Amino acid sequence: MTGRLTAGRIAGCLGLLLLGALTGAAGWLVVDLWFPAGLLLALLALLGLFLGGRLALGTGLGVGGGAVGWFLAYVVLSLPRPEGDFVLGSSGIGMYAYLLGGAALAVMCATITLPADRPVSASRPAK
């Protein structure tokens, strides 16, 4: 597929931005609630979001929309409130693993070459 920017792709990116923010907030809650299994569940949700965005839009732009929304939710929830405390606590290594793992998944999904990205030939090359 070509990388042309159409109204449908812009709407898809905005939808993925919203889905990324929701996935990021839900992932933050799950990682804090059930640490080892919650981290795996949150990273699997991010993999589904990023790979689904890649397949839906046909380019790495789909991954970018979801990744920006996920990262914005991560940053907003980690900022301190005026009272001095945080919206959600990030005690432990789970949040760092969530941040690093999510970034690695976003890069992998954005750079992957899918069979739909390559031209398909009707004839096989001779051996």
Protein backbone atom coordinates (compact mmCIF):
# COMPACT_ATOMS: atom_id res chain seq x y z
CA MET A 1 0.00 0.00 0.00
CA THR A 2 1.10 3.50 -0.61
CA GLY A 3 1.70 6.02 2.12
CA ARG A 4 -0.78 8.61 0.84
CA LEU A 5 -2.47 10.62 3.54
CA THR A 6 -6.24 10.49 3.02
CA ALA A 7 -9.17 11.54 5.18
CA GLY A 8 -9.77 7.91 6.12
CA ARG A 9 -6.21 7.44 7.32
CA ILE A 10 -6.33 10.67 9.33
CA ALA A 11 -9.56 9.54 10.98
CA GLY A 12 -8.01 6.13 11.60
CA CYS A 13 -4.97 7.71 13.24
CA LEU A 14 -7.17 9.85 15.48
CA GLY A 15 -9.21 6.79 16.45
CA LEU A 16 -6.01 4.87 17.20
CA LEU A 17 -4.79 7.83 19.27
CA LEU A 18 -7.90 7.54 21.42
CA LEU A 19 -7.61 3.75 21.63
CA GLY A 20 -3.94 4.13 22.58
CA ALA A 21 -4.83 6.50 25.42
CA LEU A 22 -7.46 4.09 26.73
CA THR A 23 -5.11 1.11 26.42
CA GLY A 24 -2.33 3.03 28.17
CA ALA A 25 -4.55 3.97 31.11
CA ALA A 26 -5.94 0.45 31.41
CA GLY A 27 -2.45 -1.02 31.15
CA TRP A 28 -1.21 1.26 33.93
CA LEU A 29 -4.01 0.05 36.19
CA VAL A 30 -3.44 -3.62 35.38
CA VAL A 31 0.33 -3.46 35.88
CA ASP A 32 -0.14 -1.90 39.31
CA LEU A 33 -2.90 -4.33 40.27
CA TRP A 34 -1.37 -7.71 39.31
CA PHE A 35 2.33 -7.23 38.76
CA PRO A 36 3.72 -10.23 36.89
CA ALA A 37 0.56 -11.28 35.06
CA GLY A 38 -0.71 -7.71 34.70
CA LEU A 39 2.47 -6.65 32.93
CA LEU A 40 2.13 -9.48 30.45
CA LEU A 41 -1.56 -8.68 29.91
CA ALA A 42 -0.83 -4.98 29.36
CA LEU A 43 1.97 -5.72 26.89
CA LEU A 44 -0.27 -8.15 24.98
CA ALA A 45 -2.93 -5.43 24.77
CA LEU A 46 -0.33 -3.03 23.38
CA LEU A 47 0.81 -5.64 20.86
CA GLY A 48 -2.78 -6.05 19.69
CA LEU A 49 -3.24 -2.29 19.43
CA PHE A 50 -0.02 -1.68 17.52
CA LEU A 51 -0.32 -4.65 15.19
CA GLY A 52 -4.01 -3.95 14.59
CA GLY A 53 -3.22 -0.34 13.72
CA ARG A 54 -0.48 -1.48 11.37
CA LEU A 55 -2.81 -3.88 9.59
CA ALA A 56 -5.77 -1.48 9.53
CA LEU A 57 -3.92 1.46 7.98
CA GLY A 58 -1.35 -0.54 6.04
CA THR A 59 1.59 1.61 7.14
CA GLY A 60 3.60 2.40 10.24
CA LEU A 61 1.35 5.44 10.72
CA GLY A 62 -1.19 3.15 12.37
CA VAL A 63 1.37 2.15 14.96
CA GLY A 64 2.33 5.80 15.48
CA GLY A 65 -1.21 6.89 16.30
CA GLY A 66 -1.63 4.20 18.94
CA ALA A 67 1.86 4.73 20.34
CA VAL A 68 1.37 8.48 20.76
CA GLY A 69 -1.92 7.94 22.60
CA TRP A 70 -0.39 5.26 24.82
CA PHE A 71 2.60 7.43 25.68
CA LEU A 72 0.46 10.49 26.40
CA ALA A 73 -1.66 8.46 28.82
CA TYR A 74 1.50 7.16 30.46
CA VAL A 75 2.89 10.68 30.92
CA VAL A 76 -0.37 12.26 32.10
CA LEU A 77 -0.96 9.55 34.70
CA SER A 78 2.61 9.82 36.00
CA LEU A 79 2.51 13.60 36.56
CA PRO A 80 2.14 14.76 40.16
CA ARG A 81 -1.07 16.49 41.16
CA PRO A 82 -1.10 19.91 42.86
CA GLU A 83 -1.57 18.15 46.21
CA GLY A 84 1.84 16.52 45.77
CA ASP A 85 0.77 12.94 45.16
CA PHE A 86 0.36 11.03 41.90
CA VAL A 87 -2.80 9.93 40.12
CA LEU A 88 -1.45 6.39 40.11
CA GLY A 89 1.61 5.27 41.98
CA SER A 90 4.49 3.74 40.08
CA SER A 91 6.25 1.82 42.80
CA GLY A 92 8.55 -0.84 41.46
CA ILE A 93 10.08 -2.00 38.26
CA GLY A 94 6.76 -2.88 36.61
CA MET A 95 6.14 0.59 35.23
CA TYR A 96 9.63 0.80 33.75
CA ALA A 97 9.16 -2.61 32.15
CA TYR A 98 5.79 -1.42 30.81
CA LEU A 99 7.36 1.69 29.29
CA LEU A 100 10.36 -0.12 27.79
CA GLY A 101 8.31 -3.09 26.59
CA GLY A 102 5.67 -0.87 25.00
CA ALA A 103 8.30 1.18 23.19
CA ALA A 104 9.99 -1.98 21.91
CA LEU A 105 6.66 -3.38 20.70
CA ALA A 106 5.84 -0.12 18.91
CA VAL A 107 9.18 -0.14 17.09
CA MET A 108 8.83 -3.80 16.13
CA CYS A 109 5.31 -3.36 14.79
CA ALA A 110 6.22 -0.19 12.88
CA THR A 111 9.21 -1.78 11.14
CA ILE A 112 7.78 -5.22 10.42
CA THR A 113 7.31 -6.21 6.79
CA LEU A 114 3.98 -7.88 6.28
CA PRO A 115 3.07 -10.11 3.32
CA ALA A 116 0.58 -7.46 2.20
CA ASP A 117 3.45 -4.94 1.92
CA ARG A 118 5.32 -6.98 -0.69
CA PRO A 119 4.25 -7.37 -4.29
CA VAL A 120 2.86 -10.78 -5.12
CA SER A 121 4.06 -12.52 -8.25
CA ALA A 122 1.92 -15.03 -10.11
CA SER A 123 4.93 -16.96 -11.35
CA ARG A 124 7.61 -18.57 -9.28
CA PRO A 125 11.24 -17.96 -10.06
CA ALA A 126 12.97 -20.83 -11.84
CA LYS A 127 15.42 -22.87 -9.81
